[in-house]
Structure formats: structure tokens, C-alpha cells
C-alpha atoms as a PDB file:
ATOM      1  CA  MET A   1     -12.166   5.816  -0.720  1.00  0.00           C
ATOM      2  CA  ALA A   2     -11.207   3.530   1.862  1.00  0.00           C
ATOM      3  CA  ASP A   3     -11.595   4.822   5.092  1.00  0.00           C
ATOM      4  CA  ILE A   4     -10.339   4.465   8.962  1.00  0.00           C
ATOM      5  CA  ASP A   5     -13.587   3.134  10.412  1.00  0.00           C
ATOM      6  CA  SER A   6     -13.425   0.448   7.809  1.00  0.00           C
ATOM      7  CA  ALA A   7      -9.555  -0.493   8.732  1.00  0.00           C
ATOM      8  CA  LEU A   8     -10.658  -0.652  12.463  1.00  0.00           C
ATOM      9  CA  GLN A   9     -13.914  -3.325  11.612  1.00  0.00           C
ATOM     10  CA  ILE A  10     -11.233  -5.428   9.783  1.00  0.00           C
ATOM     11  CA  LEU A  11      -8.781  -5.123  12.696  1.00  0.00           C
ATOM     12  CA  SER A  12     -11.362  -5.784  15.099  1.00  0.00           C
ATOM     13  CA  ARG A  13     -12.882  -8.834  13.135  1.00  0.00           C
ATOM     14  CA  ASN A  14      -9.526 -10.415  13.050  1.00  0.00           C
ATOM     15  CA  ASN A  15      -9.256 -10.296  16.858  1.00  0.00           C
ATOM     16  CA  TYR A  16      -6.531  -7.404  17.168  1.00  0.00           C
ATOM     17  CA  LYS A  17      -6.863  -4.867  19.961  1.00  0.00           C
ATOM     18  CA  LEU A  18      -7.657  -1.309  18.805  1.00  0.00           C
ATOM     19  CA  THR A  19      -4.618   0.210  20.781  1.00  0.00           C
ATOM     20  CA  LYS A  20      -4.087   4.328  20.331  1.00  0.00           C
ATOM     21  CA  GLN A  21      -0.739   3.010  18.550  1.00  0.00           C
ATOM     22  CA  ARG A  22      -2.566   0.986  15.847  1.00  0.00           C
ATOM     23  CA  LYS A  23      -4.910   3.765  15.620  1.00  0.00           C
ATOM     24  CA  GLU A  24      -2.445   6.417  15.013  1.00  0.00           C
ATOM     25  CA  LEU A  25      -0.418   4.355  12.466  1.00  0.00           C
ATOM     26  CA  LEU A  26      -3.601   3.903  10.576  1.00  0.00           C
ATOM     27  CA  LYS A  27      -4.363   7.543  10.876  1.00  0.00           C
ATOM     28  CA  TYR A  28      -0.782   8.477   9.370  1.00  0.00           C
ATOM     29  CA  LEU A  29      -0.838   5.770   6.630  1.00  0.00           C
ATOM     30  CA  TYR A  30      -4.457   6.885   5.527  1.00  0.00           C
ATOM     31  CA  GLN A  31      -2.645  10.098   4.229  1.00  0.00           C
ATOM     32  CA  PHE A  32      -0.788   7.753   1.706  1.00  0.00           C
ATOM     33  CA  GLN A  33      -3.464   6.230  -0.382  1.00  0.00           C
ATOM     34  CA  SER A  34      -2.360   7.627  -3.705  1.00  0.00           C
ATOM     35  CA  GLU A  35       1.444   6.965  -3.267  1.00  0.00           C
ATOM     36  CA  TYR A  36       3.860   4.984  -1.223  1.00  0.00           C
ATOM     37  CA  ILE A  37       6.064   5.890   1.428  1.00  0.00           C
ATOM     38  CA  ASN A  38       9.218   4.303   2.734  1.00  0.00           C
ATOM     39  CA  VAL A  39       8.538   2.193   5.771  1.00  0.00           C
ATOM     40  CA  SER A  40      11.746   3.812   7.600  1.00  0.00           C
ATOM     41  CA  GLN A  41       9.636   7.167   7.296  1.00  0.00           C
ATOM     42  CA  VAL A  42       6.570   5.347   9.029  1.00  0.00           C
ATOM     43  CA  ASP A  43       8.549   4.083  11.716  1.00  0.00           C
ATOM     44  CA  GLU A  44      10.412   7.532  12.208  1.00  0.00           C
ATOM     45  CA  PHE A  45       7.054   8.993  12.823  1.00  0.00           C
ATOM     46  CA  MET A  46       5.817   6.520  15.152  1.00  0.00           C
ATOM     47  CA  HIS A  47       8.923   7.036  17.095  1.00  0.00           C
ATOM     48  CA  GLN A  48       7.981  10.557  17.482  1.00  0.00           C
ATOM     49  CA  LEU A  49       4.749   9.828  19.118  1.00  0.00           C
ATOM     50  CA  TYR A  50       5.962   6.880  20.869  1.00  0.00           C
ATOM     51  CA  PRO A  51       9.863   6.655  21.771  1.00  0.00           C
ATOM     52  CA  LYS A  52       9.502   3.530  23.407  1.00  0.00           C
ATOM     53  CA  MET A  53       7.782   1.648  20.884  1.00  0.00           C
ATOM     54  CA  SER A  54      10.000  -0.900  19.108  1.00  0.00           C
ATOM     55  CA  HIS A  55      11.020  -1.070  15.279  1.00  0.00           C
ATOM     56  CA  ASN A  56       9.793  -4.613  15.402  1.00  0.00           C
ATOM     57  CA  THR A  57       6.373  -3.812  16.736  1.00  0.00           C
ATOM     58  CA  ILE A  58       5.892  -1.099  14.036  1.00  0.00           C
ATOM     59  CA  TYR A  59       6.941  -3.414  11.052  1.00  0.00           C
ATOM     60  CA  ARG A  60       5.045  -6.123  12.496  1.00  0.00           C
ATOM     61  CA  ASN A  61       1.894  -3.984  12.541  1.00  0.00           C
ATOM     62  CA  ILE A  62       2.663  -2.934   8.999  1.00  0.00           C
ATOM     63  CA  ARG A  63       2.980  -6.648   7.877  1.00  0.00           C
ATOM     64  CA  ASP A  64      -0.312  -7.492   9.689  1.00  0.00           C
ATOM     65  CA  PHE A  65      -2.112  -4.783   8.184  1.00  0.00           C
ATOM     66  CA  ASN A  66      -0.779  -5.860   4.794  1.00  0.00           C
ATOM     67  CA  ARG A  67      -2.138  -9.221   5.334  1.00  0.00           C
ATOM     68  CA  LEU A  68      -5.665  -8.310   6.226  1.00  0.00           C
ATOM     69  CA  GLY A  69      -5.335  -6.026   3.156  1.00  0.00           C
ATOM     70  CA  ILE A  70      -5.523  -2.450   4.925  1.00  0.00           C
ATOM     71  CA  VAL A  71      -2.108  -1.636   3.373  1.00  0.00           C
ATOM     72  CA  GLU A  72      -0.314  -2.468   0.258  1.00  0.00           C
ATOM     73  CA  MET A  73       3.525  -3.135   0.363  1.00  0.00           C
ATOM     74  CA  GLN A  74       6.048  -3.328  -2.276  1.00  0.00           C
ATOM     75  CA  THR A  75       9.855  -3.218  -2.610  1.00  0.00           C
ATOM     76  CA  ARG A  76      11.503  -0.452  -4.792  1.00  0.00           C
ATOM     77  CA  GLN A  77      14.855  -0.606  -5.094  1.00  0.00           C
ATOM     78  CA  GLY A  78      15.737  -2.727  -2.024  1.00  0.00           C
ATOM     79  CA  VAL A  79      13.679  -0.138  -0.085  1.00  0.00           C
ATOM     80  CA  LEU A  80      10.384  -1.373   1.617  1.00  0.00           C
ATOM     81  CA  GLN A  81       7.356   1.122   0.806  1.00  0.00           C
ATOM     82  CA  VAL A  82       3.909   0.871   1.879  1.00  0.00           C
ATOM     83  CA  LYS A  83       0.643   2.615   1.056  1.00  0.00           C
ATOM     84  CA  TYR A  84      -2.953   2.696   2.479  1.00  0.00           C
ATOM     85  CA  GLN A  85      -5.327   0.594   0.647  1.00  0.00           C
ATOM     86  CA  CYS A  86      -7.363   2.687  -1.551  1.00  0.00           C
ATOM     87  CA  ASP A  87     -10.302   0.423  -1.840  1.00  0.00           C
ATOM     88  CA  PHE A  88     -11.557  -2.138   0.440  1.00  0.00           C
ATOM     89  CA  ASP A  89     -14.454  -3.250  -1.572  1.00  0.00           C
ATOM     90  CA  HIS A  90     -12.205  -4.311  -4.477  1.00  0.00           C
ATOM     91  CA  PHE A  91      -8.843  -5.637  -3.078  1.00  0.00           C
ATOM     92  CA  HIS A  92      -7.675  -6.959  -6.599  1.00  0.00           C
ATOM     93  CA  HIS A  93      -6.472  -4.136  -8.604  1.00  0.00           C
ATOM     94  CA  HIS A  94      -3.284  -2.848  -9.966  1.00  0.00           C
ATOM     95  CA  HIS A  95      -1.477   0.590 -10.295  1.00  0.00           C
ATOM     96  CA  PHE A  96       0.322   2.693 -12.350  1.00  0.00           C
ATOM     97  CA  ILE A  97       3.293   4.462 -10.248  1.00  0.00           C
ATOM     98  CA  CYS A  98       5.303   7.359 -11.215  1.00  0.00           C
ATOM     99  CA  THR A  99       8.753   6.924 -11.238  1.00  0.00           C
ATOM    100  CA  ASN A 100       9.436  10.724 -10.733  1.00  0.00           C
ATOM    101  CA  CYS A 101       6.646  12.064  -7.896  1.00  0.00           C
ATOM    102  CA  GLY A 102       5.553   8.385  -6.648  1.00  0.00           C
ATOM    103  CA  LYS A 103       1.985   9.148  -7.224  1.00  0.00           C
ATOM    104  CA  VAL A 104      -0.197   5.996  -7.564  1.00  0.00           C
ATOM    105  CA  ARG A 105      -3.293   5.456 -10.110  1.00  0.00           C
ATOM    106  CA  GLU A 106      -5.664   2.636  -9.710  1.00  0.00           C
ATOM    107  CA  LEU A 107      -5.932   0.557 -12.986  1.00  0.00           C
ATOM    108  CA  ASP A 108      -9.298  -0.768 -13.888  1.00  0.00           C
ATOM    109  CA  GLU A 109      -8.537  -3.721 -15.649  1.00  0.00           C
ATOM    110  CA  CYS A 110      -6.313  -6.982 -14.749  1.00  0.00           C
ATOM    111  CA  PRO A 111      -4.296  -8.353 -17.536  1.00  0.00           C
ATOM    112  CA  MET A 112      -4.407 -11.894 -15.799  1.00  0.00           C
ATOM    113  CA  GLU A 113      -6.449 -13.589 -18.140  1.00  0.00           C
ATOM    114  CA  GLN A 114      -4.168 -12.941 -20.877  1.00  0.00           C
ATOM    115  CA  PHE A 115      -1.413 -14.644 -19.078  1.00  0.00           C
ATOM    116  CA  ALA A 116      -3.448 -17.417 -17.836  1.00  0.00           C
ATOM    117  CA  ARG A 117      -4.263 -18.512 -21.591  1.00  0.00           C
ATOM    118  CA  GLN A 118      -0.459 -18.432 -22.166  1.00  0.00           C
ATOM    119  CA  LEU A 119      -0.119 -21.260 -19.274  1.00  0.00           C
ATOM    120  CA  PRO A 120      -2.700 -23.816 -19.850  1.00  0.00           C
ATOM    121  CA  GLY A 121      -2.441 -26.993 -17.268  1.00  0.00           C
ATOM    122  CA  TYR A 122      -0.733 -24.337 -14.710  1.00  0.00           C
ATOM    123  CA  ARG A 123      -2.348 -23.533 -11.572  1.00  0.00           C
ATOM    124  CA  ILE A 124      -1.609 -19.576 -11.011  1.00  0.00           C
ATOM    125  CA  THR A 125      -2.109 -18.968  -7.038  1.00  0.00           C
ATOM    126  CA  GLY A 126      -1.727 -15.253  -7.587  1.00  0.00           C
ATOM    127  CA  HIS A 127      -0.173 -12.456  -8.893  1.00  0.00           C
ATOM    128  CA  ARG A 128       1.005  -8.726  -9.024  1.00  0.00           C
ATOM    129  CA  PHE A 129       0.893  -6.189 -11.702  1.00  0.00           C
ATOM    130  CA  GLU A 130       2.232  -2.620 -11.571  1.00  0.00           C
ATOM    131  CA  ILE A 131       2.978  -0.451 -14.589  1.00  0.00           C
ATOM    132  CA  TYR A 132       5.840   2.324 -13.909  1.00  0.00           C
ATOM    133  CA  GLY A 133       6.253   5.844 -15.655  1.00  0.00           C
ATOM    134  CA  ILE A 134       6.033   9.154 -15.633  1.00  0.00           C
ATOM    135  CA  CYS A 135       2.291  10.507 -14.586  1.00  0.00           C
ATOM    136  CA  ASP A 136       0.718  13.355 -16.498  1.00  0.00           C
ATOM    137  CA  GLU A 137       1.746  15.965 -14.186  1.00  0.00           C
ATOM    138  CA  CYS A 138       5.274  15.167 -14.190  1.00  0.00           C
ATOM    139  CA  MET A 139       5.240  15.086 -17.894  1.00  0.00           C
ATOM    140  CA  GLN A 140       3.813  18.565 -17.887  1.00  0.00           C
ATOM    141  CA  LYS A 141       6.680  19.885 -15.696  1.00  0.00           C
ATOM    142  CA  PHE A 142       9.393  18.409 -17.585  1.00  0.00           C
ATOM    143  CA  LYS A 143       7.515  19.964 -20.999  1.00  0.00           C
ATOM    144  CA  ASN A 144       7.646  23.516 -19.239  1.00  0.00           C
ATOM    145  CA  ARG A 145      11.303  23.228 -18.715  1.00  0.00           C
END
């Protein structure tokens, strides 16, 4: 489980000031390790605490956190979403995402080798792999209706 102290160390090592706003942003995002949240919700929360904080500052910090591996971002149905990195020791991982409740489950294996074999002579520079569906808890709810 990734913790806030680890994120603060990453920021510090990369010469970011550890401001109270960044700490509060991290504390809020920390609640979302197993699900994505719309960035607009993060923006709304931060504006409640810091009304004068600009949208650009909030989004820039989220993008910086993403670049440093503190958070993960995705766009789903045209909406930018973010979640706290669930494992600072294993940045390379993939997810199953429930399309009903938004729960995220980390996957242990990476299928990249399979695809790389299909691309001889190509240089793969990165990838992202996510599986979407309905989680076990939501399936139980649907069965009980």
C-alpha cells in the first residue's frame, strides 16, 4: 500500500516544495487508491479548502503527481479521472475497472510479452492495459435483484 510519506519523499527528491496545499491534495487523493475519481471532484474539494487556488494550479499538480508516479490518470467517456498510486514499489501494473461502481483491482500479470512477439523489429516505448467489466460485488447485487 502506497502511503503519503512516500509520496512526499518523491516530491522532495524531485525538488517540489512540500506546501500545505500539496499535502492536502495528497491526503484527499490517498482515499482513492482502489477507485478513480473525476478530476473535477478533486478541483471542487480543493476549492472548498483554498477558494483562491486556481483550477490551473490544481490540474498542474495532478499532472505533476502523475508524471512522478504518485497518481494514475485515465480518460473515460471524455472525463479525466485520477486515483492514488496503489503501489510505489511496482509502478508497472495493470487494472480491472468495474464499470458499475468504479472499483479498481490491480492485476498481477502483464500481457505485453505476448504483444511484443507479434511485433518483431518494432520498438515499443510504453503501454497501458486496463480491463473493464463488472466486479464480483456488483454481480452479486445484480443477481439478488
